[in-house]
Each structure stands twice: as C-alpha cells, then as structure tokens.
PDB file of N, CA and C in Angstrom:
ATOM      1  N   MET A   1    -100.421-204.977 153.429  1.00  0.00           N
ATOM      2  CA  MET A   1     -99.993-205.297 152.089  1.00  0.00           C
ATOM      3  C   MET A   1    -100.433-206.705 151.734  1.00  0.00           C
ATOM      4  N   PRO A   2    -100.691-206.969 150.449  1.00  0.00           N
ATOM      5  CA  PRO A   2    -101.066-208.323 150.052  1.00  0.00           C
ATOM      6  C   PRO A   2     -99.900-209.285 150.305  1.00  0.00           C
ATOM      7  N   THR A   3    -100.236-210.504 150.571  1.00  0.00           N
ATOM      8  CA  THR A   3     -99.204-211.488 150.892  1.00  0.00           C
ATOM      9  C   THR A   3     -98.728-212.257 149.681  1.00  0.00           C
ATOM     10  N   LYS A   4     -99.447-212.204 148.567  1.00  0.00           N
ATOM     11  CA  LYS A   4     -99.081-212.972 147.375  1.00  0.00           C
ATOM     12  C   LYS A   4     -98.407-212.060 146.341  1.00  0.00           C
ATOM     13  N   LEU A   5     -97.150-211.709 146.583  1.00  0.00           N
ATOM     14  CA  LEU A   5     -96.383-210.902 145.647  1.00  0.00           C
ATOM     15  C   LEU A   5     -95.224-211.729 145.118  1.00  0.00           C
ATOM     16  N   SER A   6     -94.992-211.618 143.846  1.00  0.00           N
ATOM     17  CA  SER A   6     -93.877-212.368 143.268  1.00  0.00           C
ATOM     18  C   SER A   6     -92.563-211.657 143.594  1.00  0.00           C
ATOM     19  N   ASN A   7     -91.482-212.390 143.476  1.00  0.00           N
ATOM     20  CA  ASN A   7     -90.165-211.819 143.772  1.00  0.00           C
ATOM     21  C   ASN A   7     -89.848-210.656 142.842  1.00  0.00           C
ATOM     22  N   GLU A   8     -90.249-210.742 141.572  1.00  0.00           N
ATOM     23  CA  GLU A   8     -89.962-209.675 140.621  1.00  0.00           C
ATOM     24  C   GLU A   8     -90.637-208.376 141.041  1.00  0.00           C
ATOM     25  N   VAL A   9     -91.875-208.472 141.516  1.00  0.00           N
ATOM     26  CA  VAL A   9     -92.605-207.278 141.943  1.00  0.00           C
ATOM     27  C   VAL A   9     -91.929-206.686 143.171  1.00  0.00           C
ATOM     28  N   ILE A  10     -91.517-207.529 144.092  1.00  0.00           N
ATOM     29  CA  ILE A  10     -90.871-207.047 145.312  1.00  0.00           C
ATOM     30  C   ILE A  10     -89.547-206.373 144.974  1.00  0.00           C
ATOM     31  N   ILE A  11     -88.755-206.980 144.091  1.00  0.00           N
ATOM     32  CA  ILE A  11     -87.460-206.409 143.705  1.00  0.00           C
ATOM     33  C   ILE A  11     -87.664-205.062 143.010  1.00  0.00           C
ATOM     34  N   ALA A  12     -88.658-204.977 142.127  1.00  0.00           N
ATOM     35  CA  ALA A  12     -88.936-203.721 141.432  1.00  0.00           C
ATOM     36  C   ALA A  12     -89.360-202.643 142.424  1.00  0.00           C
ATOM     37  N   ALA A  13     -90.174-203.007 143.402  1.00  0.00           N
ATOM     38  CA  ALA A  13     -90.612-202.038 144.412  1.00  0.00           C
ATOM     39  C   ALA A  13     -89.428-201.545 145.235  1.00  0.00           C
ATOM     40  N   ILE A  14     -88.537-202.450 145.588  1.00  0.00           N
ATOM     41  CA  ILE A  14     -87.356-202.066 146.373  1.00  0.00           C
ATOM     42  C   ILE A  14     -86.492-201.091 145.585  1.00  0.00           C
ATOM     43  N   LYS A  15     -86.268-201.386 144.310  1.00  0.00           N
ATOM     44  CA  LYS A  15     -85.454-200.491 143.477  1.00  0.00           C
ATOM     45  C   LYS A  15     -86.102-199.112 143.358  1.00  0.00           C
ATOM     46  N   GLY A  16     -87.411-199.086 143.189  1.00  0.00           N
ATOM     47  CA  GLY A  16     -88.109-197.808 143.081  1.00  0.00           C
ATOM     48  C   GLY A  16     -88.002-196.988 144.355  1.00  0.00           C
ATOM     49  N   PHE A  17     -88.179-197.640 145.493  1.00  0.00           N
ATOM     50  CA  PHE A  17     -88.083-196.932 146.766  1.00  0.00           C
ATOM     51  C   PHE A  17     -86.656-196.463 147.033  1.00  0.00           C
ATOM     52  N   GLU A  18     -85.662-197.275 146.621  1.00  0.00           N
ATOM     53  CA  GLU A  18     -84.279-196.858 146.819  1.00  0.00           C
ATOM     54  C   GLU A  18     -83.938-195.640 145.972  1.00  0.00           C
ATOM     55  N   SER A  19     -84.450-195.586 144.748  1.00  0.00           N
ATOM     56  CA  SER A  19     -84.179-194.414 143.905  1.00  0.00           C
ATOM     57  C   SER A  19     -84.852-193.173 144.490  1.00  0.00           C
ATOM     58  N   GLN A  20     -86.070-193.336 145.028  1.00  0.00           N
ATOM     59  CA  GLN A  20     -86.737-192.208 145.672  1.00  0.00           C
ATOM     60  C   GLN A  20     -85.949-191.747 146.894  1.00  0.00           C
ATOM     61  N   LYS A  21     -85.405-192.702 147.637  1.00  0.00           N
ATOM     62  CA  LYS A  21     -84.628-192.380 148.829  1.00  0.00           C
ATOM     63  C   LYS A  21     -83.383-191.590 148.449  1.00  0.00           C
ATOM     64  N   GLU A  22     -82.710-192.001 147.350  1.00  0.00           N
ATOM     65  CA  GLU A  22     -81.518-191.279 146.902  1.00  0.00           C
ATOM     66  C   GLU A  22     -81.862-189.849 146.516  1.00  0.00           C
ATOM     67  N   GLN A  23     -82.994-189.658 145.844  1.00  0.00           N
ATOM     68  CA  GLN A  23     -83.398-188.312 145.454  1.00  0.00           C
ATOM     69  C   GLN A  23     -83.671-187.451 146.678  1.00  0.00           C
ATOM     70  N   VAL A  24     -84.360-188.022 147.651  1.00  0.00           N
ATOM     71  CA  VAL A  24     -84.663-187.266 148.872  1.00  0.00           C
ATOM     72  C   VAL A  24     -83.377-186.939 149.619  1.00  0.00           C
ATOM     73  N   ASP A  25     -82.452-187.901 149.710  1.00  0.00           N
ATOM     74  CA  ASP A  25     -81.178-187.654 150.381  1.00  0.00           C
ATOM     75  C   ASP A  25     -80.393-186.535 149.701  1.00  0.00           C
ATOM     76  N   THR A  26     -80.401-186.524 148.373  1.00  0.00           N
ATOM     77  CA  THR A  26     -79.706-185.472 147.628  1.00  0.00           C
ATOM     78  C   THR A  26     -80.321-184.110 147.922  1.00  0.00           C
ATOM     79  N   GLN A  27     -81.645-184.047 147.921  1.00  0.00           N
ATOM     80  CA  GLN A  27     -82.311-182.773 148.191  1.00  0.00           C
ATOM     81  C   GLN A  27     -82.052-182.298 149.612  1.00  0.00           C
ATOM     82  N   ILE A  28     -82.031-183.225 150.564  1.00  0.00           N
ATOM     83  CA  ILE A  28     -81.761-182.861 151.956  1.00  0.00           C
ATOM     84  C   ILE A  28     -80.342-182.313 152.071  1.00  0.00           C
ATOM     85  N   ALA A  29     -79.371-182.963 151.415  1.00  0.00           N
ATOM     86  CA  ALA A  29     -77.987-182.491 151.471  1.00  0.00           C
ATOM     87  C   ALA A  29     -77.855-181.098 150.868  1.00  0.00           C
ATOM     88  N   GLU A  30     -78.551-180.849 149.744  1.00  0.00           N
ATOM     89  CA  GLU A  30     -78.497-179.526 149.130  1.00  0.00           C
ATOM     90  C   GLU A  30     -79.077-178.473 150.054  1.00  0.00           C
ATOM     91  N   LEU A  31     -80.206-178.786 150.683  1.00  0.00           N
ATOM     92  CA  LEU A  31     -80.823-177.827 151.605  1.00  0.00           C
ATOM     93  C   LEU A  31     -79.934-177.560 152.811  1.00  0.00           C
ATOM     94  N   ARG A  32     -79.262-178.589 153.323  1.00  0.00           N
ATOM     95  CA  ARG A  32     -78.364-178.395 154.469  1.00  0.00           C
ATOM     96  C   ARG A  32     -77.192-177.494 154.087  1.00  0.00           C
ATOM     97  N   GLN A  33     -76.694-177.664 152.879  1.00  0.00           N
ATOM     98  CA  GLN A  33     -75.587-176.817 152.453  1.00  0.00           C
ATOM     99  C   GLN A  33     -76.042-175.376 152.237  1.00  0.00           C
ATOM    100  N   LEU A  34     -77.259-175.209 151.732  1.00  0.00           N
ATOM    101  CA  LEU A  34     -77.787-173.856 151.595  1.00  0.00           C
ATOM    102  C   LEU A  34     -77.961-173.212 152.968  1.00  0.00           C
ATOM    103  N   GLN A  35     -78.383-174.012 153.923  1.00  0.00           N
ATOM    104  CA  GLN A  35     -78.576-173.523 155.282  1.00  0.00           C
ATOM    105  C   GLN A  35     -77.238-173.093 155.892  1.00  0.00           C
ATOM    106  N   ASN A  36     -76.185-173.822 155.588  1.00  0.00           N
ATOM    107  CA  ASN A  36     -74.854-173.503 156.116  1.00  0.00           C
ATOM    108  C   ASN A  36     -74.171-172.407 155.316  1.00  0.00           C
ATOM    109  N   GLY A  37     -74.753-171.989 154.197  1.00  0.00           N
ATOM    110  CA  GLY A  37     -74.160-170.937 153.394  1.00  0.00           C
ATOM    111  C   GLY A  37     -73.187-171.452 152.349  1.00  0.00           C
ATOM    112  N   ASN A  38     -73.076-172.753 152.199  1.00  0.00           N
ATOM    113  CA  ASN A  38     -72.188-173.332 151.195  1.00  0.00           C
ATOM    114  C   ASN A  38     -72.926-173.486 149.885  1.00  0.00           C
ATOM    115  N   ARG A  39     -72.159-173.726 148.838  1.00  0.00           N
ATOM    116  CA  ARG A  39     -72.788-173.940 147.534  1.00  0.00           C
ATOM    117  C   ARG A  39     -73.383-175.337 147.468  1.00  0.00           C
ATOM    118  N   ALA A  40     -74.438-175.499 146.683  1.00  0.00           N
ATOM    119  CA  ALA A  40     -75.134-176.782 146.569  1.00  0.00           C
ATOM    120  C   ALA A  40     -74.471-177.706 145.564  1.00  0.00           C
ATOM    121  N   GLU A  41     -73.462-177.248 144.837  1.00  0.00           N
ATOM    122  CA  GLU A  41     -72.841-178.068 143.801  1.00  0.00           C
ATOM    123  C   GLU A  41     -72.102-179.269 144.380  1.00  0.00           C
ATOM    124  N   SER A  42     -71.509-179.106 145.551  1.00  0.00           N
ATOM    125  CA  SER A  42     -70.724-180.207 146.101  1.00  0.00           C
ATOM    126  C   SER A  42     -71.605-181.396 146.469  1.00  0.00           C
ATOM    127  N   ALA A  43     -72.865-181.168 146.817  1.00  0.00           N
ATOM    128  CA  ALA A  43     -73.761-182.273 147.141  1.00  0.00           C
ATOM    129  C   ALA A  43     -74.095-183.078 145.897  1.00  0.00           C
ATOM    130  N   ALA A  44     -74.285-182.392 144.795  1.00  0.00           N
ATOM    131  CA  ALA A  44     -74.624-183.093 143.561  1.00  0.00           C
ATOM    132  C   ALA A  44     -73.430-183.884 143.042  1.00  0.00           C
ATOM    133  N   THR A  45     -72.228-183.340 143.191  1.00  0.00           N
ATOM    134  CA  THR A  45     -71.059-184.041 142.678  1.00  0.00           C
ATOM    135  C   THR A  45     -70.619-185.171 143.586  1.00  0.00           C
ATOM    136  N   SER A  46     -71.036-185.136 144.844  1.00  0.00           N
ATOM    137  CA  SER A  46     -70.623-186.196 145.755  1.00  0.00           C
ATOM    138  C   SER A  46     -71.384-187.495 145.501  1.00  0.00           C
ATOM    139  N   GLN A  47     -72.513-187.407 144.841  1.00  0.00           N
ATOM    140  CA  GLN A  47     -73.292-188.605 144.542  1.00  0.00           C
ATOM    141  C   GLN A  47     -72.560-189.441 143.502  1.00  0.00           C
ATOM    142  N   VAL A  48     -72.526-190.741 143.712  1.00  0.00           N
ATOM    143  CA  VAL A  48     -71.875-191.646 142.784  1.00  0.00           C
ATOM    144  C   VAL A  48     -72.794-191.863 141.595  1.00  0.00           C
ATOM    145  N   ARG A  49     -72.230-191.756 140.400  1.00  0.00           N
ATOM    146  CA  ARG A  49     -73.030-191.939 139.195  1.00  0.00           C
ATOM    147  C   ARG A  49     -73.237-193.435 138.977  1.00  0.00           C
ATOM    148  N   THR A  50     -74.500-193.874 138.943  1.00  0.00           N
ATOM    149  CA  THR A  50     -74.801-195.294 138.801  1.00  0.00           C
ATOM    150  C   THR A  50     -75.082-195.683 137.369  1.00  0.00           C
ATOM    151  N   ARG A  51     -75.420-194.719 136.522  1.00  0.00           N
ATOM    152  CA  ARG A  51     -75.779-195.023 135.142  1.00  0.00           C
ATOM    153  C   ARG A  51     -74.575-194.781 134.253  1.00  0.00           C
ATOM    154  N   LYS A  52     -74.285-195.731 133.367  1.00  0.00           N
ATOM    155  CA  LYS A  52     -73.162-195.575 132.448  1.00  0.00           C
ATOM    156  C   LYS A  52     -73.569-194.661 131.305  1.00  0.00           C
ATOM    157  N   ARG A  53     -72.627-193.843 130.881  1.00  0.00           N
ATOM    158  CA  ARG A  53     -72.897-192.946 129.766  1.00  0.00           C
ATOM    159  C   ARG A  53     -72.706-193.686 128.456  1.00  0.00           C
ATOM    160  N   ARG A  54     -73.513-193.335 127.496  1.00  0.00           N
ATOM    161  CA  ARG A  54     -73.424-193.946 126.183  1.00  0.00           C
ATOM    162  C   ARG A  54     -72.274-193.321 125.420  1.00  0.00           C
ATOM    163  N   LYS A  55     -71.510-194.152 124.719  1.00  0.00           N
ATOM    164  CA  LYS A  55     -70.350-193.656 123.996  1.00  0.00           C
ATOM    165  C   LYS A  55     -70.669-193.571 122.510  1.00  0.00           C
ATOM    166  N   PHE A  56     -70.286-192.456 121.909  1.00  0.00           N
ATOM    167  CA  PHE A  56     -70.487-192.249 120.481  1.00  0.00           C
ATOM    168  C   PHE A  56     -69.138-192.267 119.791  1.00  0.00           C
ATOM    169  N   SER A  57     -69.131-192.722 118.557  1.00  0.00           N
ATOM    170  CA  SER A  57     -67.897-192.734 117.780  1.00  0.00           C
ATOM    171  C   SER A  57     -67.533-191.307 117.383  1.00  0.00           C
ATOM    172  N   VAL A  58     -66.313-191.149 116.943  1.00  0.00           N
ATOM    173  CA  VAL A  58     -65.849-189.830 116.510  1.00  0.00           C
ATOM    174  C   VAL A  58     -66.689-189.338 115.337  1.00  0.00           C
ATOM    175  N   ALA A  59     -66.980-190.234 114.405  1.00  0.00           N
ATOM    176  CA  ALA A  59     -67.777-189.853 113.229  1.00  0.00           C
ATOM    177  C   ALA A  59     -69.189-189.440 113.652  1.00  0.00           C
ATOM    178  N   ALA A  60     -69.772-190.148 114.611  1.00  0.00           N
ATOM    179  CA  ALA A  60     -71.125-189.807 115.068  1.00  0.00           C
ATOM    180  C   ALA A  60     -71.129-188.444 115.752  1.00  0.00           C
ATOM    181  N   ARG A  61     -70.100-188.186 116.571  1.00  0.00           N
ATOM    182  CA  ARG A  61     -70.027-186.876 117.228  1.00  0.00           C
ATOM    183  C   ARG A  61     -69.843-185.762 116.208  1.00  0.00           C
ATOM    184  N   ARG A  62     -69.068-186.033 115.147  1.00  0.00           N
ATOM    185  CA  ARG A  62     -68.885-185.030 114.098  1.00  0.00           C
ATOM    186  C   ARG A  62     -70.209-184.742 113.398  1.00  0.00           C
ATOM    187  N   ARG A  63     -70.963-185.810 113.078  1.00  0.00           N
ATOM    188  CA  ARG A  63     -72.260-185.612 112.419  1.00  0.00           C
ATOM    189  C   ARG A  63     -73.217-184.830 113.313  1.00  0.00           C
ATOM    190  N   MET A  64     -73.218-185.153 114.606  1.00  0.00           N
ATOM    191  CA  MET A  64     -74.096-184.430 115.531  1.00  0.00           C
ATOM    192  C   MET A  64     -73.693-182.959 115.615  1.00  0.00           C
ATOM    193  N   ARG A  65     -72.364-182.684 115.674  1.00  0.00           N
ATOM    194  CA  ARG A  65     -71.887-181.312 115.744  1.00  0.00           C
ATOM    195  C   ARG A  65     -72.300-180.533 114.501  1.00  0.00           C
ATOM    196  N   GLU A  66     -72.112-181.145 113.323  1.00  0.00           N
ATOM    197  CA  GLU A  66     -72.468-180.459 112.078  1.00  0.00           C
ATOM    198  C   GLU A  66     -73.963-180.222 111.978  1.00  0.00           C
ATOM    199  N   ALA A  67     -74.754-181.193 112.419  1.00  0.00           N
ATOM    200  CA  ALA A  67     -76.210-181.013 112.385  1.00  0.00           C
ATOM    201  C   ALA A  67     -76.626-179.881 113.318  1.00  0.00           C
ATOM    202  N   GLN A  68     -76.011-179.816 114.497  1.00  0.00           N
ATOM    203  CA  GLN A  68     -76.349-178.739 115.432  1.00  0.00           C
ATOM    204  C   GLN A  68     -75.923-177.389 114.881  1.00  0.00           C
ATOM    205  N   GLN A  69     -74.777-177.345 114.212  1.00  0.00           N
ATOM    206  CA  GLN A  69     -74.343-176.092 113.594  1.00  0.00           C
ATOM    207  C   GLN A  69     -75.317-175.651 112.510  1.00  0.00           C
ATOM    208  N   ARG A  70     -75.809-176.605 111.722  1.00  0.00           N
ATOM    209  CA  ARG A  70     -76.798-176.256 110.685  1.00  0.00           C
ATOM    210  C   ARG A  70     -78.082-175.748 111.318  1.00  0.00           C
ATOM    211  N   ARG A  71     -78.518-176.378 112.418  1.00  0.00           N
ATOM    212  CA  ARG A  71     -79.743-175.919 113.084  1.00  0.00           C
ATOM    213  C   ARG A  71     -79.584-174.495 113.610  1.00  0.00           C
ATOM    214  N   TRP A  72     -78.446-174.198 114.264  1.00  0.00           N
ATOM    215  CA  TRP A  72     -78.233-172.857 114.792  1.00  0.00           C
ATOM    216  C   TRP A  72     -78.088-171.844 113.666  1.00  0.00           C
ATOM    217  N   ALA A  73     -77.466-172.234 112.564  1.00  0.00           N
ATOM    218  CA  ALA A  73     -77.343-171.328 111.423  1.00  0.00           C
ATOM    219  C   ALA A  73     -78.726-170.996 110.863  1.00  0.00           C
ATOM    220  N   ALA A  74     -79.608-171.993 110.833  1.00  0.00           N
ATOM    221  CA  ALA A  74     -80.966-171.751 110.343  1.00  0.00           C
ATOM    222  C   ALA A  74     -81.710-170.815 111.287  1.00  0.00           C
ATOM    223  N   VAL A  75     -81.491-170.963 112.588  1.00  0.00           N
ATOM    224  CA  VAL A  75     -82.153-170.090 113.563  1.00  0.00           C
ATOM    225  C   VAL A  75     -81.669-168.656 113.386  1.00  0.00           C
ATOM    226  N   ARG A  76     -80.361-168.484 113.167  1.00  0.00           N
ATOM    227  CA  ARG A  76     -79.796-167.150 112.993  1.00  0.00           C
ATOM    228  C   ARG A  76     -80.037-166.606 111.587  1.00  0.00           C
ATOM    229  N   GLY A  77     -80.494-167.431 110.677  1.00  0.00           N
ATOM    230  CA  GLY A  77     -80.752-166.995 109.317  1.00  0.00           C
ATOM    231  C   GLY A  77     -79.506-166.961 108.462  1.00  0.00           C
ATOM    232  N   GLU A  78     -78.493-167.714 108.852  1.00  0.00           N
ATOM    233  CA  GLU A  78     -77.252-167.759 108.093  1.00  0.00           C
ATOM    234  C   GLU A  78     -77.239-168.973 107.193  1.00  0.00           C
ATOM    235  N   THR A  79     -76.207-169.032 106.369  1.00  0.00           N
ATOM    236  CA  THR A  79     -76.012-170.246 105.578  1.00  0.00           C
ATOM    237  C   THR A  79     -75.251-171.239 106.426  1.00  0.00           C
ATOM    238  N   ALA A  80     -75.236-172.500 105.997  1.00  0.00           N
ATOM    239  CA  ALA A  80     -74.533-173.560 106.733  1.00  0.00           C
ATOM    240  C   ALA A  80     -73.036-173.292 106.711  1.00  0.00           C
ATOM    241  N   PRO A  81     -72.290-173.722 107.753  1.00  0.00           N
ATOM    242  CA  PRO A  81     -70.837-173.528 107.772  1.00  0.00           C
ATOM    243  C   PRO A  81     -70.168-174.207 106.580  1.00  0.00           C
ATOM    244  N   ALA A  82     -69.027-173.674 106.167  1.00  0.00           N
ATOM    245  CA  ALA A  82     -68.347-174.156 104.965  1.00  0.00           C
ATOM    246  C   ALA A  82     -67.871-175.594 105.109  1.00  0.00           C
ATOM    247  N   GLY A  83     -67.511-176.036 106.297  1.00  0.00           N
ATOM    248  CA  GLY A  83     -66.959-177.369 106.485  1.00  0.00           C
ATOM    249  C   GLY A  83     -68.005-178.455 106.627  1.00  0.00           C
ATOM    250  N   SER A  84     -69.257-178.109 106.536  1.00  0.00           N
ATOM    251  CA  SER A  84     -70.292-179.114 106.765  1.00  0.00           C
ATOM    252  C   SER A  84     -70.471-180.013 105.556  1.00  0.00           C
ATOM    253  N   THR A  85     -71.010-181.193 105.804  1.00  0.00           N
ATOM    254  CA  THR A  85     -71.217-182.154 104.725  1.00  0.00           C
ATOM    255  C   THR A  85     -72.393-181.747 103.845  1.00  0.00           C
ATOM    256  N   ALA A  86     -73.274-180.887 104.326  1.00  0.00           N
ATOM    257  CA  ALA A  86     -74.419-180.469 103.529  1.00  0.00           C
ATOM    258  C   ALA A  86     -73.973-179.605 102.352  1.00  0.00           C
ATOM    259  N   ALA A  87     -72.853-178.915 102.493  1.00  0.00           N
ATOM    260  CA  ALA A  87     -72.379-178.037 101.434  1.00  0.00           C
ATOM    261  C   ALA A  87     -71.759-178.832 100.288  1.00  0.00           C
ATOM    262  N   THR A  88     -71.281-180.043 100.564  1.00  0.00           N
ATOM    263  CA  THR A  88     -70.661-180.843  99.514  1.00  0.00           C
ATOM    264  C   THR A  88     -71.742-181.529  98.681  1.00  0.00           C
ATOM    265  N   ALA A  89     -71.376-181.883  97.452  1.00  0.00           N
ATOM    266  CA  ALA A  89     -72.328-182.539  96.558  1.00  0.00           C
ATOM    267  C   ALA A  89     -72.597-183.955  97.051  1.00  0.00           C
ATOM    268  N   PRO A  90     -73.831-184.437  96.937  1.00  0.00           N
ATOM    269  CA  PRO A  90     -74.125-185.803  97.369  1.00  0.00           C
ATOM    270  C   PRO A  90     -73.449-186.817  96.452  1.00  0.00           C
ATOM    271  N   LYS A  91     -73.196-188.003  96.985  1.00  0.00           N
ATOM    272  CA  LYS A  91     -72.558-189.050  96.191  1.00  0.00           C
ATOM    273  C   LYS A  91     -73.490-189.494  95.077  1.00  0.00           C
ATOM    274  N   ARG A  92     -72.908-189.840  93.934  1.00  0.00           N
ATOM    275  CA  ARG A  92     -73.718-190.342  92.828  1.00  0.00           C
ATOM    276  C   ARG A  92     -74.229-191.713  93.166  1.00  0.00           C
ATOM    277  N   LYS A  93     -75.431-192.012  92.723  1.00  0.00           N
ATOM    278  CA  LYS A  93     -75.991-193.336  92.922  1.00  0.00           C
ATOM    279  C   LYS A  93     -75.270-194.328  92.045  1.00  0.00           C
ATOM    280  N   ARG A  94     -75.017-195.502  92.585  1.00  0.00           N
ATOM    281  CA  ARG A  94     -74.337-196.524  91.804  1.00  0.00           C
ATOM    282  C   ARG A  94     -75.346-197.199  90.890  1.00  0.00           C
ATOM    283  N   ARG A  95     -74.940-197.412  89.666  1.00  0.00           N
ATOM    284  CA  ARG A  95     -75.811-198.034  88.659  1.00  0.00           C
ATOM    285  C   ARG A  95     -75.264-199.409  88.291  1.00  0.00           C
ATOM    286  N   LEU A  96     -76.172-200.301  87.948  1.00  0.00           N
ATOM    287  CA  LEU A  96     -75.798-201.645  87.525  1.00  0.00           C
ATOM    288  C   LEU A  96     -75.634-201.631  86.004  1.00  0.00           C
ATOM    289  N   SER A  97     -74.511-202.154  85.542  1.00  0.00           N
ATOM    290  CA  SER A  97     -74.269-202.168  84.094  1.00  0.00           C
ATOM    291  C   SER A  97     -75.148-203.239  83.433  1.00  0.00           C
ATOM    292  N   ALA A  98     -75.299-203.133  82.133  1.00  0.00           N
ATOM    293  CA  ALA A  98     -76.111-204.103  81.398  1.00  0.00           C
ATOM    294  C   ALA A  98     -75.494-205.495  81.500  1.00  0.00           C
ATOM    295  N   ALA A  99     -74.168-205.589  81.418  1.00  0.00           N
ATOM    296  CA  ALA A  99     -73.501-206.889  81.514  1.00  0.00           C
ATOM    297  C   ALA A  99     -73.693-207.487  82.903  1.00  0.00           C
ATOM    298  N   GLY A 100     -73.615-206.650  83.911  1.00  0.00           N
ATOM    299  CA  GLY A 100     -73.820-207.129  85.275  1.00  0.00           C
ATOM    300  C   GLY A 100     -75.242-207.633  85.490  1.00  0.00           C
ATOM    301  N   ARG A 101     -76.206-206.894  84.954  1.00  0.00           N
ATOM    302  CA  ARG A 101     -77.606-207.308  85.065  1.00  0.00           C
ATOM    303  C   ARG A 101     -77.822-208.657  84.379  1.00  0.00           C
ATOM    304  N   LYS A 102     -77.233-208.845  83.157  1.00  0.00           N
ATOM    305  CA  LYS A 102     -77.382-210.112  82.431  1.00  0.00           C
ATOM    306  C   LYS A 102     -76.753-211.259  83.201  1.00  0.00           C
ATOM    307  N   ALA A 103     -75.613-211.013  83.832  1.00  0.00           N
ATOM    308  CA  ALA A 103     -74.948-212.060  84.612  1.00  0.00           C
ATOM    309  C   ALA A 103     -75.806-212.482  85.801  1.00  0.00           C
ATOM    310  N   ILE A 104     -76.411-211.511  86.466  1.00  0.00           N
ATOM    311  CA  ILE A 104     -77.278-211.824  87.616  1.00  0.00           C
ATOM    312  C   ILE A 104     -78.501-212.605  87.162  1.00  0.00           C
ATOM    313  N   ILE A 105     -79.111-212.199  86.044  1.00  0.00           N
ATOM    314  CA  ILE A 105     -80.293-212.900  85.524  1.00  0.00           C
ATOM    315  C   ILE A 105     -79.945-214.331  85.146  1.00  0.00           C
ATOM    316  N   ALA A 106     -78.800-214.517  84.492  1.00  0.00           N
ATOM    317  CA  ALA A 106     -78.379-215.862  84.080  1.00  0.00           C
ATOM    318  C   ALA A 106     -78.140-216.744  85.305  1.00  0.00           C
ATOM    319  N   ALA A 107     -77.485-216.210  86.324  1.00  0.00           N
ATOM    320  CA  ALA A 107     -77.215-216.983  87.543  1.00  0.00           C
ATOM    321  C   ALA A 107     -78.516-217.351  88.249  1.00  0.00           C
ATOM    322  N   THR A 108     -79.455-216.427  88.279  1.00  0.00           N
ATOM    323  CA  THR A 108     -80.745-216.698  88.927  1.00  0.00           C
ATOM    324  C   THR A 108     -81.506-217.785  88.177  1.00  0.00           C
ATOM    325  N   LYS A 109     -81.528-217.702  86.835  1.00  0.00           N
ATOM    326  CA  LYS A 109     -82.221-218.719  86.050  1.00  0.00           C
ATOM    327  C   LYS A 109     -81.587-220.085  86.246  1.00  0.00           C
ATOM    328  N   LYS A 110     -80.257-220.138  86.303  1.00  0.00           N
ATOM    329  CA  LYS A 110     -79.546-221.401  86.516  1.00  0.00           C
ATOM    330  C   LYS A 110     -79.897-221.977  87.886  1.00  0.00           C
ATOM    331  N   ARG A 111     -79.904-221.107  88.899  1.00  0.00           N
ATOM    332  CA  ARG A 111     -80.211-221.554  90.263  1.00  0.00           C
ATOM    333  C   ARG A 111     -81.635-222.109  90.340  1.00  0.00           C
ATOM    334  N   TRP A 112     -82.610-221.427  89.712  1.00  0.00           N
ATOM    335  CA  TRP A 112     -83.991-221.909  89.744  1.00  0.00           C
ATOM    336  C   TRP A 112     -84.149-223.196  88.938  1.00  0.00           C
ATOM    337  N   ALA A 113     -83.413-223.318  87.835  1.00  0.00           N
ATOM    338  CA  ALA A 113     -83.479-224.554  87.040  1.00  0.00           C
ATOM    339  C   ALA A 113     -82.982-225.731  87.877  1.00  0.00           C
ATOM    340  N   LEU A 114     -81.897-225.546  88.613  1.00  0.00           N
ATOM    341  CA  LEU A 114     -81.390-226.607  89.491  1.00  0.00           C
ATOM    342  C   LEU A 114     -82.398-226.937  90.595  1.00  0.00           C
ATOM    343  N   LYS A 115     -83.018-225.920  91.135  1.00  0.00           N
ATOM    344  CA  LYS A 115     -83.993-226.142  92.207  1.00  0.00           C
ATOM    345  C   LYS A 115     -85.201-226.918  91.677  1.00  0.00           C
ATOM    346  N   ARG A 116     -85.669-226.561  90.482  1.00  0.00           N
ATOM    347  CA  ARG A 116     -86.817-227.273  89.887  1.00  0.00           C
ATOM    348  C   ARG A 116     -86.434-228.740  89.576  1.00  0.00           C
ATOM    349  N   ALA A 117     -85.225-228.943  89.053  1.00  0.00           N
ATOM    350  CA  ALA A 117     -84.769-230.304  88.738  1.00  0.00           C
ATOM    351  C   ALA A 117     -84.660-231.143  90.002  1.00  0.00           C
ATOM    352  N   GLU A 118     -84.206-230.548  91.069  1.00  0.00           N
ATOM    353  CA  GLU A 118     -84.097-231.252  92.348  1.00  0.00           C
ATOM    354  C   GLU A 118     -85.491-231.587  92.895  1.00  0.00           C
ATOM    355  N   ALA A 119     -86.414-230.665  92.748  1.00  0.00           N
ATOM    356  CA  ALA A 119     -87.775-230.901  93.229  1.00  0.00           C
ATOM    357  C   ALA A 119     -88.455-231.998  92.393  1.00  0.00           C
ATOM    358  N   ALA A 120     -88.134-232.060  91.071  1.00  0.00           N
ATOM    359  CA  ALA A 120     -88.737-233.067  90.197  1.00  0.00           C
ATOM    360  C   ALA A 120     -88.220-234.462  90.550  1.00  0.00           C
ATOM    361  N   LYS A 121     -86.974-234.565  91.004  1.00  0.00           N
ATOM    362  CA  LYS A 121     -86.412-235.860  91.381  1.00  0.00           C
ATOM    363  C   LYS A 121     -87.134-236.430  92.599  1.00  0.00           C
ATOM    364  N   LYS A 122     -87.531-235.592  93.497  1.00  0.00           N
ATOM    365  CA  LYS A 122     -88.201-236.063  94.722  1.00  0.00           C
ATOM    366  C   LYS A 122     -89.616-236.412  94.380  1.00  0.00           C
TER     367      LYS A 122
END
C-alpha cells in the first residue's frame, strides 16, 4: 500500500471495510440459521440499527398518504377518495387592492428619495 495517505482517506477506508464486514457477518448468521433450520428473521433483527430514521410531521404523513391513495386510485381507474385535498376547491389567490398598491408605491418612492438625498450629501 502507498505510504502517503491522509487521515481522512484512512478513516473513510476503515468505515467502508467495517460496513462490508457487517454485511458479511449478517449474511453468515442468516446462512447458519438456515443450516440449523431456524428462521433467518432473528439474525436481521439482532443487528443494531446505526442509522437514525427521518421523522415526518403529522401533516406531511397525511399528504403522503393522500398522494399514495390518489396514485393507487389512478392505477385502479377509480376517482380520488372523498377525503382527499384534491377533491376540495383550491384556495383563491390573494389580490392586492388599489389602495394597498398606492401605499407601497408611495413608501418606495419616499425610501428612494431619502436614499438619493443621502447619496447627494456624501
């Protein structure tokens, strides 16, 4: 092996080999259980889970469930379920009133006038 390896490369190699070792150990345990006539499920469950699961909010899980229901309904050729958000009317777009638009324009003009006056002083 080359002698000029950085610590990061060595650490990455160690992690990779350890993950390969865990996979091989799991497969060996499953094969041993098959050889003994036992089920292979206990070998998979005995392994400690090292990766944390991602957590979704209740609203996100609801949206995912409804989307999956719509996909399956489309596959079966049915209409979307009654409780889904797709069946409800979409929200109306919010509009800016004429008075609100004039107020924003006036504030912007005032702000730029102050900025120009400040720049002229310098």
